[in-house]
Amino acid sequence: MATGKKNIMKKSKSKSNTKTLFQNTFNFRAWSDWDRVKSGGDFISDTVKQVVEPNTAKVVESFNDAQKRMKLTDEDIASRGRALLRLSFFMACLAVLLFCYAIYHFIFGTIHAGIFALALTCLSAVYAFRYHFWYFQIKTRTLGYTLQEWFKQGLMGKKV
């Protein structure tokens, strides 16, 4: 009687043939290539973290130190600041025009051209931000501003 209970216990712990056949036939993990999907998701999340989290500078340098290192005069810095401001305005105007052009395409049904124009709008806006951020750092003669400080002081004009 004791051996009968052992055999019953062994059968209940082992997989049934039907379950094994079902798992081998319908292997959803292999079909969906889950490991590759998971690694792709991990790559995307790591990339987003790298983009969103600010990098810390390895060497903290003041504006005057950078000016001396690059051998720039105050006249050179002023002319580069003006050039950056002009570029910033140009890119912002280009972004507005491209946005209007994208709306035009969306209204008249050429979706692909509208999406392309919208992508160019985003690119122009990013360049406008970049040039204005550089101009703001030159104008204030300070390096290492954050995005929030640029927004409050550079765009909104608040004194911090």
N, C-alpha and C. Protein backbone atom coordinates (compact mmCIF):
# COMPACT_ATOMS: atom_id res chain seq x y z
N MET A 1 0.81 -1.18 0.00
CA MET A 1 0.00 0.00 0.00
C MET A 1 0.86 1.25 0.00
N ALA A 2 1.99 1.18 0.67
CA ALA A 2 2.88 2.34 0.73
C ALA A 2 3.46 2.64 -0.64
N THR A 3 3.78 1.59 -1.43
CA THR A 3 4.33 1.84 -2.77
C THR A 3 3.28 2.41 -3.69
N GLY A 4 2.04 2.08 -3.51
CA GLY A 4 0.96 2.63 -4.33
C GLY A 4 0.83 4.12 -4.14
N LYS A 5 0.99 4.58 -2.91
CA LYS A 5 0.92 6.02 -2.65
C LYS A 5 2.10 6.75 -3.27
N LYS A 6 3.28 6.10 -3.27
CA LYS A 6 4.44 6.74 -3.89
C LYS A 6 4.24 6.91 -5.39
N ASN A 7 3.69 5.90 -6.06
CA ASN A 7 3.45 5.99 -7.50
C ASN A 7 2.45 7.08 -7.81
N ILE A 8 1.42 7.21 -6.99
CA ILE A 8 0.42 8.25 -7.22
C ILE A 8 1.04 9.62 -7.03
N MET A 9 1.88 9.75 -6.02
CA MET A 9 2.54 11.03 -5.75
C MET A 9 3.48 11.41 -6.90
N LYS A 10 4.19 10.43 -7.45
CA LYS A 10 5.10 10.72 -8.55
C LYS A 10 4.34 11.19 -9.78
N LYS A 11 3.21 10.56 -10.07
CA LYS A 11 2.44 10.94 -11.25
C LYS A 11 1.86 12.34 -11.10
N SER A 12 1.46 12.72 -9.90
CA SER A 12 0.86 14.03 -9.74
C SER A 12 1.91 15.14 -9.83
N LYS A 13 3.15 14.86 -9.47
CA LYS A 13 4.20 15.87 -9.55
C LYS A 13 4.75 16.03 -10.97
N SER A 14 4.77 14.97 -11.76
CA SER A 14 5.32 15.07 -13.11
C SER A 14 4.30 15.70 -14.05
N LYS A 15 4.82 16.26 -15.18
CA LYS A 15 3.94 16.87 -16.17
C LYS A 15 3.19 15.80 -16.94
N SER A 16 2.00 16.13 -17.32
CA SER A 16 1.26 15.19 -18.15
C SER A 16 1.74 15.30 -19.58
N ASN A 17 1.52 14.27 -20.34
CA ASN A 17 1.95 14.26 -21.75
C ASN A 17 1.21 15.33 -22.54
N THR A 18 -0.03 15.56 -22.23
CA THR A 18 -0.82 16.56 -22.94
C THR A 18 -0.25 17.96 -22.71
N LYS A 19 0.10 18.23 -21.45
CA LYS A 19 0.64 19.55 -21.14
C LYS A 19 1.99 19.76 -21.83
N THR A 20 2.85 18.75 -21.83
CA THR A 20 4.15 18.84 -22.50
C THR A 20 3.97 19.04 -24.00
N LEU A 21 3.06 18.30 -24.59
CA LEU A 21 2.78 18.43 -26.02
C LEU A 21 2.27 19.83 -26.33
N PHE A 22 1.38 20.34 -25.50
CA PHE A 22 0.81 21.68 -25.71
C PHE A 22 1.91 22.75 -25.60
N GLN A 23 2.79 22.61 -24.60
CA GLN A 23 3.86 23.60 -24.42
C GLN A 23 4.86 23.56 -25.57
N ASN A 24 5.16 22.38 -26.08
CA ASN A 24 6.11 22.28 -27.19
C ASN A 24 5.48 22.76 -28.50
N THR A 25 4.20 22.50 -28.68
CA THR A 25 3.53 22.89 -29.91
C THR A 25 3.22 24.39 -29.93
N PHE A 26 2.72 24.90 -28.83
CA PHE A 26 2.34 26.31 -28.75
C PHE A 26 3.30 27.05 -27.82
N ASN A 27 4.51 27.27 -28.28
CA ASN A 27 5.54 27.93 -27.49
C ASN A 27 5.49 29.44 -27.79
N PHE A 28 4.62 30.13 -27.06
CA PHE A 28 4.40 31.55 -27.31
C PHE A 28 5.65 32.38 -27.04
N ARG A 29 6.44 31.99 -26.08
CA ARG A 29 7.67 32.73 -25.76
C ARG A 29 8.63 32.70 -26.95
N ALA A 30 8.75 31.54 -27.59
CA ALA A 30 9.64 31.43 -28.74
C ALA A 30 9.03 32.13 -29.95
N TRP A 31 7.72 32.02 -30.12
CA TRP A 31 7.06 32.66 -31.27
C TRP A 31 7.21 34.17 -31.22
N SER A 32 7.03 34.73 -30.03
CA SER A 32 7.09 36.19 -29.92
C SER A 32 8.52 36.70 -29.78
N ASP A 33 9.48 35.77 -29.68
CA ASP A 33 10.89 36.11 -29.50
C ASP A 33 11.03 37.06 -28.30
N TRP A 34 10.47 36.60 -27.18
CA TRP A 34 10.35 37.42 -25.99
C TRP A 34 11.70 37.96 -25.50
N ASP A 35 12.74 37.15 -25.56
CA ASP A 35 14.04 37.60 -25.08
C ASP A 35 14.55 38.79 -25.88
N ARG A 36 14.36 38.77 -27.19
CA ARG A 36 14.80 39.89 -28.02
C ARG A 36 13.93 41.12 -27.78
N VAL A 37 12.62 40.91 -27.61
CA VAL A 37 11.72 42.03 -27.32
C VAL A 37 12.11 42.67 -25.99
N LYS A 38 12.40 41.86 -24.99
CA LYS A 38 12.79 42.37 -23.68
C LYS A 38 14.11 43.13 -23.76
N SER A 39 15.09 42.60 -24.49
CA SER A 39 16.36 43.31 -24.60
C SER A 39 16.19 44.62 -25.38
N GLY A 40 15.31 44.63 -26.38
CA GLY A 40 15.03 45.87 -27.10
C GLY A 40 14.37 46.90 -26.21
N GLY A 41 13.44 46.46 -25.38
CA GLY A 41 12.79 47.37 -24.43
C GLY A 41 13.78 47.92 -23.42
N ASP A 42 14.69 47.07 -22.95
CA ASP A 42 15.72 47.52 -22.02
C ASP A 42 16.63 48.55 -22.67
N PHE A 43 16.98 48.33 -23.95
CA PHE A 43 17.81 49.28 -24.68
C PHE A 43 17.12 50.63 -24.81
N ILE A 44 15.83 50.61 -25.14
CA ILE A 44 15.08 51.86 -25.29
C ILE A 44 15.00 52.59 -23.96
N SER A 45 14.71 51.86 -22.88
CA SER A 45 14.61 52.53 -21.58
C SER A 45 15.96 53.09 -21.14
N ASP A 46 17.04 52.39 -21.41
CA ASP A 46 18.37 52.91 -21.07
C ASP A 46 18.70 54.16 -21.88
N THR A 47 18.33 54.15 -23.16
CA THR A 47 18.58 55.31 -24.02
C THR A 47 17.78 56.52 -23.54
N VAL A 48 16.52 56.30 -23.17
CA VAL A 48 15.69 57.40 -22.67
C VAL A 48 16.28 57.95 -21.37
N LYS A 49 16.77 57.07 -20.51
CA LYS A 49 17.38 57.53 -19.26
C LYS A 49 18.62 58.38 -19.54
N GLN A 50 19.40 57.99 -20.53
CA GLN A 50 20.60 58.75 -20.87
C GLN A 50 20.24 60.12 -21.43
N VAL A 51 19.14 60.19 -22.18
CA VAL A 51 18.73 61.46 -22.78
C VAL A 51 18.13 62.38 -21.72
N VAL A 52 17.32 61.82 -20.84
CA VAL A 52 16.58 62.63 -19.87
C VAL A 52 17.46 63.09 -18.72
N GLU A 53 18.30 62.21 -18.19
CA GLU A 53 19.14 62.56 -17.06
C GLU A 53 20.31 63.41 -17.52
N PRO A 54 20.53 64.54 -16.85
CA PRO A 54 21.63 65.41 -17.29
C PRO A 54 22.98 64.80 -16.95
N ASN A 55 23.93 65.01 -17.84
CA ASN A 55 25.30 64.55 -17.61
C ASN A 55 26.00 65.54 -16.69
N THR A 56 26.80 65.02 -15.81
CA THR A 56 27.58 65.89 -14.95
C THR A 56 28.94 66.12 -15.61
N ALA A 57 29.37 67.35 -15.59
CA ALA A 57 30.64 67.69 -16.22
C ALA A 57 31.78 67.09 -15.41
N LYS A 58 32.75 66.53 -16.13
CA LYS A 58 33.91 65.95 -15.46
C LYS A 58 34.82 67.05 -14.93
N VAL A 59 34.95 68.13 -15.70
CA VAL A 59 35.77 69.25 -15.28
C VAL A 59 34.87 70.48 -15.27
N VAL A 60 34.74 71.09 -14.12
CA VAL A 60 33.92 72.30 -14.02
C VAL A 60 34.81 73.48 -14.41
N GLU A 61 34.35 74.24 -15.41
CA GLU A 61 35.15 75.32 -15.96
C GLU A 61 34.33 76.60 -15.95
N SER A 62 34.90 77.67 -15.54
CA SER A 62 34.20 78.94 -15.57
C SER A 62 34.26 79.52 -16.99
N PHE A 63 33.44 80.54 -17.20
CA PHE A 63 33.40 81.17 -18.52
C PHE A 63 34.74 81.81 -18.86
N ASN A 64 35.33 82.49 -17.88
CA ASN A 64 36.62 83.16 -18.13
C ASN A 64 37.73 82.15 -18.41
N ASP A 65 37.69 81.02 -17.72
CA ASP A 65 38.70 79.98 -17.99
C ASP A 65 38.54 79.43 -19.41
N ALA A 66 37.30 79.22 -19.83
CA ALA A 66 37.06 78.73 -21.19
C ALA A 66 37.49 79.78 -22.22
N GLN A 67 37.24 81.04 -21.91
CA GLN A 67 37.64 82.12 -22.82
C GLN A 67 39.16 82.15 -22.97
N LYS A 68 39.87 81.99 -21.87
CA LYS A 68 41.33 81.98 -21.95
C LYS A 68 41.84 80.74 -22.68
N ARG A 69 41.21 79.59 -22.41
CA ARG A 69 41.65 78.35 -23.04
C ARG A 69 41.46 78.42 -24.55
N MET A 70 40.37 79.03 -25.02
CA MET A 70 40.10 79.12 -26.46
C MET A 70 40.71 80.37 -27.09
N LYS A 71 41.34 81.20 -26.28
CA LYS A 71 42.00 82.43 -26.74
C LYS A 71 41.03 83.33 -27.50
N LEU A 72 39.90 83.62 -26.85
CA LEU A 72 38.88 84.47 -27.45
C LEU A 72 38.89 85.84 -26.77
N THR A 73 38.73 86.87 -27.57
CA THR A 73 38.61 88.22 -27.01
C THR A 73 37.14 88.51 -26.72
N ASP A 74 36.90 89.59 -25.99
CA ASP A 74 35.51 89.98 -25.72
C ASP A 74 34.77 90.33 -27.01
N GLU A 75 35.49 90.87 -27.96
CA GLU A 75 34.91 91.21 -29.26
C GLU A 75 34.46 89.94 -30.01
N ASP A 76 35.30 88.91 -29.97
CA ASP A 76 34.95 87.63 -30.61
C ASP A 76 33.71 87.03 -29.96
N ILE A 77 33.67 87.08 -28.65
CA ILE A 77 32.53 86.50 -27.92
C ILE A 77 31.26 87.27 -28.25
N ALA A 78 31.34 88.58 -28.31
CA ALA A 78 30.15 89.39 -28.63
C ALA A 78 29.65 89.09 -30.05
N SER A 79 30.57 88.95 -31.00
CA SER A 79 30.14 88.68 -32.38
C SER A 79 29.53 87.27 -32.49
N ARG A 80 30.10 86.31 -31.78
CA ARG A 80 29.53 84.96 -31.79
C ARG A 80 28.16 84.93 -31.12
N GLY A 81 27.99 85.72 -30.08
CA GLY A 81 26.69 85.82 -29.42
C GLY A 81 25.63 86.36 -30.35
N ARG A 82 25.97 87.43 -31.08
CA ARG A 82 25.02 88.00 -32.05
C ARG A 82 24.69 87.00 -33.15
N ALA A 83 25.71 86.28 -33.61
CA ALA A 83 25.47 85.28 -34.66
C ALA A 83 24.56 84.16 -34.15
N LEU A 84 24.77 83.74 -32.92
CA LEU A 84 23.92 82.69 -32.35
C LEU A 84 22.48 83.17 -32.18
N LEU A 85 22.31 84.44 -31.79
CA LEU A 85 20.95 84.97 -31.65
C LEU A 85 20.26 85.03 -33.01
N ARG A 86 20.98 85.46 -34.04
CA ARG A 86 20.39 85.49 -35.39
C ARG A 86 20.02 84.08 -35.85
N LEU A 87 20.92 83.13 -35.62
CA LEU A 87 20.61 81.74 -35.99
C LEU A 87 19.40 81.21 -35.24
N SER A 88 19.31 81.56 -33.98
CA SER A 88 18.18 81.11 -33.17
C SER A 88 16.86 81.66 -33.73
N PHE A 89 16.83 82.95 -34.04
CA PHE A 89 15.62 83.55 -34.62
C PHE A 89 15.30 82.94 -35.99
N PHE A 90 16.32 82.73 -36.79
CA PHE A 90 16.09 82.13 -38.11
C PHE A 90 15.49 80.74 -37.98
N MET A 91 16.05 79.92 -37.09
CA MET A 91 15.52 78.56 -36.91
C MET A 91 14.12 78.57 -36.33
N ALA A 92 13.83 79.50 -35.44
CA ALA A 92 12.48 79.60 -34.88
C ALA A 92 11.48 79.99 -35.96
N CYS A 93 11.85 80.95 -36.81
CA CYS A 93 10.96 81.34 -37.93
C CYS A 93 10.78 80.19 -38.90
N LEU A 94 11.87 79.48 -39.17
CA LEU A 94 11.78 78.32 -40.06
C LEU A 94 10.86 77.25 -39.48
N ALA A 95 10.94 77.05 -38.17
CA ALA A 95 10.07 76.08 -37.51
C ALA A 95 8.61 76.48 -37.64
N VAL A 96 8.31 77.76 -37.49
CA VAL A 96 6.93 78.24 -37.64
C VAL A 96 6.44 78.04 -39.07
N LEU A 97 7.27 78.39 -40.04
CA LEU A 97 6.89 78.21 -41.44
C LEU A 97 6.68 76.73 -41.79
N LEU A 98 7.58 75.88 -41.31
CA LEU A 98 7.43 74.45 -41.57
C LEU A 98 6.19 73.88 -40.89
N PHE A 99 5.86 74.40 -39.72
CA PHE A 99 4.65 73.95 -39.04
C PHE A 99 3.42 74.33 -39.86
N CYS A 100 3.39 75.54 -40.38
CA CYS A 100 2.27 75.96 -41.24
C CYS A 100 2.20 75.09 -42.49
N TYR A 101 3.35 74.77 -43.04
CA TYR A 101 3.40 73.91 -44.22
C TYR A 101 2.89 72.51 -43.89
N ALA A 102 3.21 72.01 -42.72
CA ALA A 102 2.72 70.69 -42.29
C ALA A 102 1.20 70.72 -42.14
N ILE A 103 0.68 71.77 -41.55
CA ILE A 103 -0.78 71.90 -41.40
C ILE A 103 -1.44 71.93 -42.78
N TYR A 104 -0.84 72.67 -43.70
CA TYR A 104 -1.35 72.72 -45.08
C TYR A 104 -1.46 71.31 -45.67
N HIS A 105 -0.42 70.50 -45.49
CA HIS A 105 -0.44 69.14 -46.03
C HIS A 105 -1.47 68.26 -45.32
N PHE A 106 -1.61 68.44 -44.03
CA PHE A 106 -2.61 67.65 -43.31
C PHE A 106 -4.03 68.01 -43.74
N ILE A 107 -4.27 69.28 -44.03
CA ILE A 107 -5.60 69.71 -44.46
C ILE A 107 -5.94 69.14 -45.83
N PHE A 108 -4.97 69.15 -46.74
CA PHE A 108 -5.23 68.70 -48.10
C PHE A 108 -4.95 67.21 -48.32
N GLY A 109 -4.71 66.48 -47.24
CA GLY A 109 -4.68 65.03 -47.32
C GLY A 109 -3.38 64.37 -47.69
N THR A 110 -2.31 65.10 -47.78
CA THR A 110 -1.03 64.45 -48.05
C THR A 110 -0.32 64.22 -46.71
N ILE A 111 -0.73 63.13 -46.08
CA ILE A 111 -0.31 62.83 -44.71
C ILE A 111 1.21 62.63 -44.62
N HIS A 112 1.78 61.89 -45.56
CA HIS A 112 3.21 61.60 -45.50
C HIS A 112 4.05 62.88 -45.57
N ALA A 113 3.67 63.78 -46.45
CA ALA A 113 4.40 65.05 -46.55
C ALA A 113 4.20 65.88 -45.29
N GLY A 114 3.01 65.81 -44.70
CA GLY A 114 2.76 66.52 -43.45
C GLY A 114 3.60 65.99 -42.31
N ILE A 115 3.73 64.67 -42.23
CA ILE A 115 4.56 64.07 -41.18
C ILE A 115 6.02 64.46 -41.37
N PHE A 116 6.48 64.45 -42.61
CA PHE A 116 7.85 64.85 -42.90
C PHE A 116 8.09 66.32 -42.53
N ALA A 117 7.14 67.17 -42.89
CA ALA A 117 7.28 68.59 -42.55
C ALA A 117 7.23 68.80 -41.04
N LEU A 118 6.44 67.99 -40.34
CA LEU A 118 6.37 68.07 -38.88
C LEU A 118 7.70 67.64 -38.25
N ALA A 119 8.33 66.62 -38.83
CA ALA A 119 9.64 66.19 -38.34
C ALA A 119 10.68 67.30 -38.54
N LEU A 120 10.64 67.95 -39.69
CA LEU A 120 11.55 69.06 -39.94
C LEU A 120 11.27 70.23 -39.01
N THR A 121 9.99 70.43 -38.66
CA THR A 121 9.62 71.46 -37.69
C THR A 121 10.28 71.19 -36.35
N CYS A 122 10.20 69.94 -35.91
CA CYS A 122 10.81 69.57 -34.63
C CYS A 122 12.32 69.78 -34.67
N LEU A 123 12.93 69.40 -35.75
CA LEU A 123 14.38 69.57 -35.89
C LEU A 123 14.77 71.05 -35.85
N SER A 124 14.02 71.88 -36.55
CA SER A 124 14.30 73.32 -36.54
C SER A 124 14.10 73.92 -35.16
N ALA A 125 13.08 73.46 -34.45
CA ALA A 125 12.84 73.96 -33.09
C ALA A 125 13.96 73.55 -32.15
N VAL A 126 14.48 72.36 -32.32
CA VAL A 126 15.60 71.91 -31.48
C VAL A 126 16.83 72.77 -31.74
N TYR A 127 17.10 73.06 -33.01
CA TYR A 127 18.24 73.92 -33.32
C TYR A 127 18.04 75.34 -32.78
N ALA A 128 16.81 75.84 -32.86
CA ALA A 128 16.53 77.17 -32.31
C ALA A 128 16.80 77.19 -30.81
N PHE A 129 16.37 76.14 -30.11
CA PHE A 129 16.65 76.06 -28.68
C PHE A 129 18.15 76.02 -28.42
N ARG A 130 18.83 75.17 -29.15
CA ARG A 130 20.27 74.99 -28.94
C ARG A 130 21.04 76.30 -29.12
N TYR A 131 20.76 77.00 -30.20
CA TYR A 131 21.47 78.25 -30.45
C TYR A 131 21.11 79.32 -29.42
N HIS A 132 19.85 79.35 -29.02
CA HIS A 132 19.46 80.34 -28.02
C HIS A 132 20.07 80.02 -26.66
N PHE A 133 20.17 78.74 -26.35
CA PHE A 133 20.80 78.34 -25.08
C PHE A 133 22.26 78.77 -25.06
N TRP A 134 22.97 78.56 -26.15
CA TRP A 134 24.36 78.98 -26.24
C TRP A 134 24.47 80.51 -26.14
N TYR A 135 23.57 81.20 -26.85
CA TYR A 135 23.56 82.66 -26.78
C TYR A 135 23.33 83.14 -25.35
N PHE A 136 22.42 82.50 -24.64
CA PHE A 136 22.11 82.88 -23.26
C PHE A 136 23.33 82.70 -22.36
N GLN A 137 24.06 81.63 -22.56
CA GLN A 137 25.26 81.41 -21.75
C GLN A 137 26.34 82.45 -22.06
N ILE A 138 26.45 82.84 -23.33
CA ILE A 138 27.42 83.87 -23.69
C ILE A 138 26.98 85.22 -23.14
N LYS A 139 25.70 85.52 -23.22
CA LYS A 139 25.17 86.81 -22.74
C LYS A 139 25.39 86.97 -21.24
N THR A 140 25.13 85.89 -20.49
CA THR A 140 25.30 85.98 -19.03
C THR A 140 26.72 85.66 -18.59
N ARG A 141 27.55 85.22 -19.54
CA ARG A 141 28.95 84.87 -19.26
C ARG A 141 29.05 83.85 -18.14
N THR A 142 28.18 82.85 -18.20
CA THR A 142 28.16 81.77 -17.21
C THR A 142 27.93 80.46 -17.95
N LEU A 143 28.65 79.42 -17.57
CA LEU A 143 28.47 78.10 -18.16
C LEU A 143 27.73 77.20 -17.17
N GLY A 144 27.08 76.19 -17.69
CA GLY A 144 26.48 75.16 -16.85
C GLY A 144 25.05 75.45 -16.41
N TYR A 145 24.31 76.24 -17.16
CA TYR A 145 22.91 76.47 -16.83
C TYR A 145 22.10 75.20 -17.04
N THR A 146 21.03 75.07 -16.27
CA THR A 146 20.10 73.97 -16.47
C THR A 146 19.00 74.43 -17.41
N LEU A 147 18.21 73.49 -17.84
CA LEU A 147 17.09 73.81 -18.72
C LEU A 147 16.09 74.72 -18.03
N GLN A 148 15.86 74.46 -16.77
CA GLN A 148 14.91 75.26 -16.00
C GLN A 148 15.39 76.70 -15.84
N GLU A 149 16.68 76.87 -15.56
CA GLU A 149 17.24 78.22 -15.42
C GLU A 149 17.17 78.96 -16.75
N TRP A 150 17.46 78.26 -17.85
CA TRP A 150 17.37 78.90 -19.16
C TRP A 150 15.94 79.33 -19.44
N PHE A 151 14.97 78.47 -19.11
CA PHE A 151 13.58 78.80 -19.38
C PHE A 151 13.12 80.01 -18.57
N LYS A 152 13.48 80.02 -17.28
CA LYS A 152 13.03 81.12 -16.42
C LYS A 152 13.72 82.43 -16.77
N GLN A 153 15.04 82.39 -16.94
CA GLN A 153 15.79 83.63 -17.17
C GLN A 153 15.88 83.99 -18.64
N GLY A 154 16.17 83.00 -19.49
CA GLY A 154 16.40 83.29 -20.91
C GLY A 154 15.14 83.58 -21.68
N LEU A 155 14.07 82.84 -21.42
CA LEU A 155 12.83 83.05 -22.17
C LEU A 155 11.83 83.94 -21.43
N MET A 156 11.64 83.67 -20.15
CA MET A 156 10.64 84.42 -19.38
C MET A 156 11.17 85.72 -18.82
N GLY A 157 12.49 85.88 -18.76
CA GLY A 157 13.10 87.11 -18.30
C GLY A 157 13.04 87.34 -16.80
N LYS A 158 12.81 86.29 -16.03
CA LYS A 158 12.75 86.44 -14.57
C LYS A 158 14.16 86.50 -14.00
N LYS A 159 14.31 87.28 -12.97
CA LYS A 159 15.60 87.37 -12.27
C LYS A 159 15.60 86.34 -11.17
N VAL A 160 16.66 85.51 -11.15
CA VAL A 160 16.76 84.49 -10.12
C VAL A 160 17.83 84.84 -9.12
